[in-house]
C-alpha atoms as a PDB file:
ATOM      1  CA  MET A   1     126.698  71.661 164.802  1.00  0.00           C
ATOM      2  CA  LYS A   2     127.367  73.833 161.765  1.00  0.00           C
ATOM      3  CA  LYS A   3     128.338  72.225 158.504  1.00  0.00           C
ATOM      4  CA  LEU A   4     131.130  73.897 156.535  1.00  0.00           C
ATOM      5  CA  ILE A   5     130.486  74.579 152.879  1.00  0.00           C
ATOM      6  CA  HIS A   6     133.606  75.391 150.908  1.00  0.00           C
ATOM      7  CA  VAL A   7     133.647  77.575 147.829  1.00  0.00           C
ATOM      8  CA  GLY A   8     132.870  75.441 144.792  1.00  0.00           C
ATOM      9  CA  MET A   9     131.047  72.675 146.703  1.00  0.00           C
ATOM     10  CA  VAL A  10     127.543  73.936 145.914  1.00  0.00           C
ATOM     11  CA  LYS A  11     126.476  73.043 142.376  1.00  0.00           C
ATOM     12  CA  PRO A  12     122.890  74.187 141.789  1.00  0.00           C
ATOM     13  CA  HIS A  13     120.961  73.149 138.708  1.00  0.00           C
ATOM     14  CA  HIS A  14     120.469  76.004 136.278  1.00  0.00           C
ATOM     15  CA  ALA A  15     120.172  77.011 132.636  1.00  0.00           C
ATOM     16  CA  HIS A  16     121.155  80.079 130.590  1.00  0.00           C
ATOM     17  CA  PHE A  17     119.406  82.144 127.925  1.00  0.00           C
ATOM     18  CA  PHE A  18     121.248  82.413 124.611  1.00  0.00           C
ATOM     19  CA  ALA A  19     120.685  84.323 121.380  1.00  0.00           C
ATOM     20  CA  ALA A  20     122.656  84.571 118.143  1.00  0.00           C
ATOM     21  CA  LYS A  21     122.484  85.505 114.490  1.00  0.00           C
ATOM     22  CA  THR A  22     123.703  82.904 112.010  1.00  0.00           C
ATOM     23  CA  SER A  23     126.154  83.522 109.221  1.00  0.00           C
ATOM     24  CA  GLU A  24     124.665  84.593 105.912  1.00  0.00           C
ATOM     25  CA  SER A  25     124.259  81.853 103.318  1.00  0.00           C
ATOM     26  CA  LYS A  26     122.227  81.915 100.097  1.00  0.00           C
ATOM     27  CA  ASP A  27     121.390  85.609 100.724  1.00  0.00           C
ATOM     28  CA  HIS A  28     119.750  85.133 104.132  1.00  0.00           C
ATOM     29  CA  TYR A  29     120.476  84.493 107.810  1.00  0.00           C
ATOM     30  CA  HIS A  30     118.483  83.164 110.758  1.00  0.00           C
ATOM     31  CA  LEU A  31     117.982  84.344 114.323  1.00  0.00           C
ATOM     32  CA  ILE A  32     118.379  81.868 117.140  1.00  0.00           C
ATOM     33  CA  LYS A  33     117.306  82.110 120.745  1.00  0.00           C
ATOM     34  CA  GLY A  34     116.584  79.648 123.482  1.00  0.00           C
ATOM     35  CA  PHE A  35     117.708  78.157 126.764  1.00  0.00           C
ATOM     36  CA  THR A  36     120.507  75.720 127.448  1.00  0.00           C
ATOM     37  CA  LEU A  37     119.618  72.360 128.932  1.00  0.00           C
ATOM     38  CA  THR A  38     119.939  72.384 132.715  1.00  0.00           C
ATOM     39  CA  VAL A  39     122.945  70.968 134.532  1.00  0.00           C
ATOM     40  CA  ASN A  40     124.297  71.093 138.073  1.00  0.00           C
ATOM     41  CA  GLY A  41     127.327  73.330 138.223  1.00  0.00           C
ATOM     42  CA  ASN A  42     128.934  76.477 139.517  1.00  0.00           C
ATOM     43  CA  SER A  43     131.269  79.165 138.241  1.00  0.00           C
ATOM     44  CA  LEU A  44     134.419  77.227 139.143  1.00  0.00           C
ATOM     45  CA  ASP A  45     133.804  73.637 137.984  1.00  0.00           C
ATOM     46  CA  ARG A  46     134.112  74.133 134.181  1.00  0.00           C
ATOM     47  CA  HIS A  47     130.706  72.493 133.519  1.00  0.00           C
ATOM     48  CA  GLN A  48     129.146  72.729 130.071  1.00  0.00           C
ATOM     49  CA  HIS A  49     125.574  72.832 128.715  1.00  0.00           C
ATOM     50  CA  PHE A  50     123.934  71.362 125.631  1.00  0.00           C
ATOM     51  CA  ILE A  51     122.008  73.663 123.312  1.00  0.00           C
ATOM     52  CA  ARG A  52     119.438  72.602 120.752  1.00  0.00           C
ATOM     53  CA  GLY A  53     116.530  74.072 118.896  1.00  0.00           C
ATOM     54  CA  VAL A  54     115.172  75.374 115.645  1.00  0.00           C
ATOM     55  CA  THR A  55     116.162  78.660 114.027  1.00  0.00           C
ATOM     56  CA  MET A  56     113.559  81.289 113.291  1.00  0.00           C
ATOM     57  CA  THR A  57     112.133  81.006 109.805  1.00  0.00           C
ATOM     58  CA  ALA A  58     113.833  82.964 107.024  1.00  0.00           C
ATOM     59  CA  ASN A  59     113.587  82.490 103.261  1.00  0.00           C
ATOM     60  CA  LYS A  60     110.635  80.100 103.823  1.00  0.00           C
ATOM     61  CA  HIS A  61     112.600  77.550 105.856  1.00  0.00           C
ATOM     62  CA  TYR A  62     114.330  76.882 109.158  1.00  0.00           C
ATOM     63  CA  HIS A  63     117.225  74.757 110.416  1.00  0.00           C
ATOM     64  CA  ARG A  64     117.648  72.448 113.404  1.00  0.00           C
ATOM     65  CA  PHE A  65     120.751  72.846 115.529  1.00  0.00           C
ATOM     66  CA  TYR A  66     122.495  70.924 118.297  1.00  0.00           C
ATOM     67  CA  GLY A  67     125.668  71.838 120.134  1.00  0.00           C
ATOM     68  CA  GLU A  68     127.524  72.216 123.395  1.00  0.00           C
ATOM     69  CA  THR A  69     128.813  75.297 125.169  1.00  0.00           C
ATOM     70  CA  GLY A  70     132.338  75.755 126.335  1.00  0.00           C
ATOM     71  CA  PRO A  71     133.210  75.514 130.038  1.00  0.00           C
ATOM     72  CA  ALA A  72     131.874  77.982 132.632  1.00  0.00           C
ATOM     73  CA  ILE A  73     133.700  81.327 132.653  1.00  0.00           C
ATOM     74  CA  PRO A  74     133.496  83.001 136.100  1.00  0.00           C
ATOM     75  CA  LEU A  75     132.271  86.569 136.540  1.00  0.00           C
ATOM     76  CA  GLU A  76     133.312  88.941 139.339  1.00  0.00           C
ATOM     77  CA  ASN A  77     129.777  88.867 140.807  1.00  0.00           C
ATOM     78  CA  GLY A  78     129.960  85.098 141.377  1.00  0.00           C
ATOM     79  CA  GLY A  79     127.962  84.206 138.273  1.00  0.00           C
ATOM     80  CA  HIS A  80     129.293  82.770 135.048  1.00  0.00           C
ATOM     81  CA  TYR A  81     128.670  82.487 131.316  1.00  0.00           C
ATOM     82  CA  HIS A  82     129.575  80.121 128.484  1.00  0.00           C
ATOM     83  CA  LEU A  83     130.778  80.625 124.925  1.00  0.00           C
ATOM     84  CA  PHE A  84     129.366  78.535 122.078  1.00  0.00           C
ATOM     85  CA  GLU A  85     130.209  78.003 118.421  1.00  0.00           C
ATOM     86  CA  THR A  86     128.466  75.492 116.175  1.00  0.00           C
ATOM     87  CA  ARG A  87     126.479  75.127 112.955  1.00  0.00           C
ATOM     88  CA  THR A  88     122.969  74.359 111.844  1.00  0.00           C
ATOM     89  CA  TYR A  89     121.939  71.184 110.070  1.00  0.00           C
ATOM     90  CA  TYR A  90     121.566  71.390 106.301  1.00  0.00           C
ATOM     91  CA  ASN A  91     118.294  72.414 104.688  1.00  0.00           C
ATOM     92  CA  TYR A  92     117.266  72.855 101.069  1.00  0.00           C
ATOM     93  CA  ASP A  93     118.096  76.094  99.269  1.00  0.00           C
ATOM     94  CA  GLU A  94     114.507  76.161  97.980  1.00  0.00           C
ATOM     95  CA  ALA A  95     112.028  74.825 100.524  1.00  0.00           C
ATOM     96  CA  VAL A  96     109.271  72.433  99.473  1.00  0.00           C
ATOM     97  CA  LEU A  97     106.331  73.430 101.633  1.00  0.00           C
ATOM     98  CA  SER A  98     103.980  70.779 102.952  1.00  0.00           C
ATOM     99  CA  GLN A  99     100.195  71.051 102.760  1.00  0.00           C
ATOM    100  CA  PHE A 100     100.124  70.943 106.577  1.00  0.00           C
ATOM    101  CA  GLY A 101     103.054  73.315 107.215  1.00  0.00           C
ATOM    102  CA  GLY A 102     106.733  72.646 107.753  1.00  0.00           C
ATOM    103  CA  VAL A 103     109.176  71.398 105.164  1.00  0.00           C
ATOM    104  CA  MET A 104     109.217  68.097 103.271  1.00  0.00           C
ATOM    105  CA  TYR A 105     112.488  66.217 102.990  1.00  0.00           C
ATOM    106  CA  GLY A 106     113.256  63.692 100.291  1.00  0.00           C
ATOM    107  CA  ASP A 107     116.047  61.531  98.970  1.00  0.00           C
ATOM    108  CA  GLY A 108     116.654  63.724  95.926  1.00  0.00           C
ATOM    109  CA  GLU A 109     119.916  65.533  95.390  1.00  0.00           C
ATOM    110  CA  ARG A 110     118.661  69.079  95.762  1.00  0.00           C
ATOM    111  CA  PRO A 111     121.012  71.960  96.663  1.00  0.00           C
ATOM    112  CA  LYS A 112     121.372  72.374 100.431  1.00  0.00           C
ATOM    113  CA  HIS A 113     123.063  74.852 102.758  1.00  0.00           C
ATOM    114  CA  ASP A 114     123.814  75.401 106.427  1.00  0.00           C
ATOM    115  CA  HIS A 115     124.865  78.301 108.666  1.00  0.00           C
ATOM    116  CA  THR A 116     127.408  78.786 111.440  1.00  0.00           C
ATOM    117  CA  PHE A 117     126.770  80.785 114.591  1.00  0.00           C
ATOM    118  CA  SER A 118     128.515  81.706 117.816  1.00  0.00           C
ATOM    119  CA  GLY A 119     127.963  83.788 120.913  1.00  0.00           C
ATOM    120  CA  ARG A 120     127.788  83.707 124.677  1.00  0.00           C
ATOM    121  CA  THR A 121     125.133  82.740 127.144  1.00  0.00           C
ATOM    122  CA  HIS A 122     123.486  85.292 129.397  1.00  0.00           C
ATOM    123  CA  GLY A 123     122.622  85.263 133.101  1.00  0.00           C
ATOM    124  CA  ILE A 124     121.649  82.168 135.005  1.00  0.00           C
ATOM    125  CA  VAL A 125     117.988  81.156 134.701  1.00  0.00           C
ATOM    126  CA  GLY A 126     116.361  79.301 137.555  1.00  0.00           C
ATOM    127  CA  GLU A 127     117.424  78.835 141.108  1.00  0.00           C
ATOM    128  CA  ASP A 128     117.407  75.807 143.343  1.00  0.00           C
ATOM    129  CA  PRO A 129     114.816  76.671 146.034  1.00  0.00           C
ATOM    130  CA  PHE A 130     116.666  74.545 148.596  1.00  0.00           C
ATOM    131  CA  LEU A 131     120.069  76.127 147.948  1.00  0.00           C
ATOM    132  CA  ASN A 132     119.510  79.427 149.786  1.00  0.00           C
ATOM    133  CA  HIS A 133     117.809  77.622 152.685  1.00  0.00           C
ATOM    134  CA  SER A 134     120.773  75.237 152.977  1.00  0.00           C
ATOM    135  CA  LEU A 135     123.300  78.059 152.941  1.00  0.00           C
ATOM    136  CA  ILE A 136     121.410  80.016 155.621  1.00  0.00           C
ATOM    137  CA  PHE A 137     121.054  76.889 157.763  1.00  0.00           C
ATOM    138  CA  CYS A 138     124.796  76.219 157.575  1.00  0.00           C
ATOM    139  CA  LYS A 139     125.832  79.694 158.775  1.00  0.00           C
END
């Protein structure tokens, strides 16, 4: 007996690549790239992904960032993408470098700054190996 699968029922786990350039602040900007966290979803269910990471180093420092994409936006080919808009966490205008690398943080009131960034995710990364088998089996 064949099982019917309706459009929108299959929600494979997947991630997306994303890249962006931050706003300029204190005469510099940062580049960002990474992958969203995986979720189960399809082009029609309005799912969202979390993004997080560390910017590339510029002006002797970097920033952490955390955010969430907007809902899935369907494409004509059956895929989808997401828009995102968020900001980095603050970091010092003048980095204090550690003996072992990285940046030292303290309680002092030193000038800090952050950056905003936005963009869209790119194609779906990863594929559920059981998804195609299940769809073939149900035909």
